[in-house]
């Protein structure tokens, strides 16, 4: 049984907007550093901070969320 593909999915720590949140955890918006607690099964959304006062940080196509390993 080949588990290499499964291992890749479980070790992934950076996600794009629209992907499904794999586990309950804190995630950080890569462009602006905003931290949010997200629940598994929901989708990663665009960061509201990037669209708010820090809109200048927003870069189309770079809407990425990274799982925070230790908070």
Protein backbone atom coordinates (compact mmCIF):
# COMPACT_ATOMS: atom_id res chain seq x y z
CA UNK A 1 0.00 0.00 0.00
CA UNK A 2 1.44 3.37 -1.05
CA UNK A 3 1.06 5.94 1.76
CA UNK A 4 3.37 8.62 0.33
CA UNK A 5 0.45 10.65 -1.03
CA UNK A 6 -1.32 10.47 2.33
CA UNK A 7 1.84 11.59 4.14
CA UNK A 8 2.11 14.62 1.84
CA UNK A 9 -1.44 15.69 2.69
CA UNK A 10 -1.01 15.33 6.43
CA UNK A 11 2.31 17.21 6.48
CA UNK A 12 1.02 20.14 4.44
CA UNK A 13 1.04 23.41 6.37
CA UNK A 14 0.26 26.10 3.75
CA UNK A 15 -3.21 26.38 2.22
CA UNK A 16 -4.89 28.47 -0.46
CA UNK A 17 -8.16 30.34 -0.08
CA UNK A 18 -11.00 27.97 -0.93
CA UNK A 19 -9.29 24.83 0.35
CA UNK A 20 -10.87 22.93 3.23
CA UNK A 21 -9.40 23.45 6.70
CA UNK A 22 -7.96 20.03 7.63
CA UNK A 23 -7.99 20.41 11.43
CA UNK A 24 -9.01 22.77 14.20
CA UNK A 25 -6.01 25.02 14.75
CA UNK A 26 -4.63 28.53 14.60
CA UNK A 27 -3.62 29.67 11.13
CA UNK A 28 -1.75 32.80 10.04
CA UNK A 29 -2.36 34.85 6.91
CA UNK A 30 0.96 34.75 5.06
CA UNK A 31 0.82 38.29 3.55
CA UNK A 32 -0.20 40.22 6.69
CA UNK A 33 0.38 37.98 9.73
CA UNK A 34 -3.24 38.01 10.94
CA UNK A 35 -3.93 34.96 13.16
CA UNK A 36 -7.26 33.15 13.27
CA UNK A 37 -8.60 29.99 14.85
CA UNK A 38 -10.29 27.94 12.13
CA UNK A 39 -12.42 24.82 12.46
CA UNK A 40 -11.93 21.65 10.44
CA UNK A 41 -14.31 21.22 7.52
CA UNK A 42 -14.73 24.94 6.85
CA UNK A 43 -13.01 26.65 3.94
CA UNK A 44 -10.12 29.07 4.08
CA UNK A 45 -11.49 32.53 3.28
CA UNK A 46 -9.82 35.75 2.21
CA UNK A 47 -8.28 37.58 5.14
CA UNK A 48 -10.45 40.52 6.19
CA UNK A 49 -7.43 42.34 7.61
CA UNK A 50 -5.81 42.33 4.16
CA UNK A 51 -8.96 43.97 2.77
CA UNK A 52 -9.26 46.40 5.70
CA UNK A 53 -6.75 48.96 6.82
CA UNK A 54 -3.86 46.83 5.56
CA UNK A 55 -5.32 46.32 2.07
CA UNK A 56 -1.98 47.36 0.58
CA UNK A 57 -0.60 43.99 1.77
CA UNK A 58 -3.08 42.08 -0.38
CA UNK A 59 -1.57 40.43 -3.44
CA UNK A 60 -3.93 38.60 -5.78
CA UNK A 61 -3.11 34.91 -6.01
CA UNK A 62 -1.02 35.01 -2.84
CA UNK A 63 -3.89 34.51 -0.44
CA UNK A 64 -2.25 31.82 1.66
CA UNK A 65 -2.84 30.54 5.16
CA UNK A 66 -0.20 28.70 7.16
CA UNK A 67 -0.87 26.46 10.14
CA UNK A 68 0.81 27.70 13.29
CA UNK A 69 2.63 24.76 14.83
CA UNK A 70 3.14 26.18 18.32
CA UNK A 71 1.34 29.21 19.61
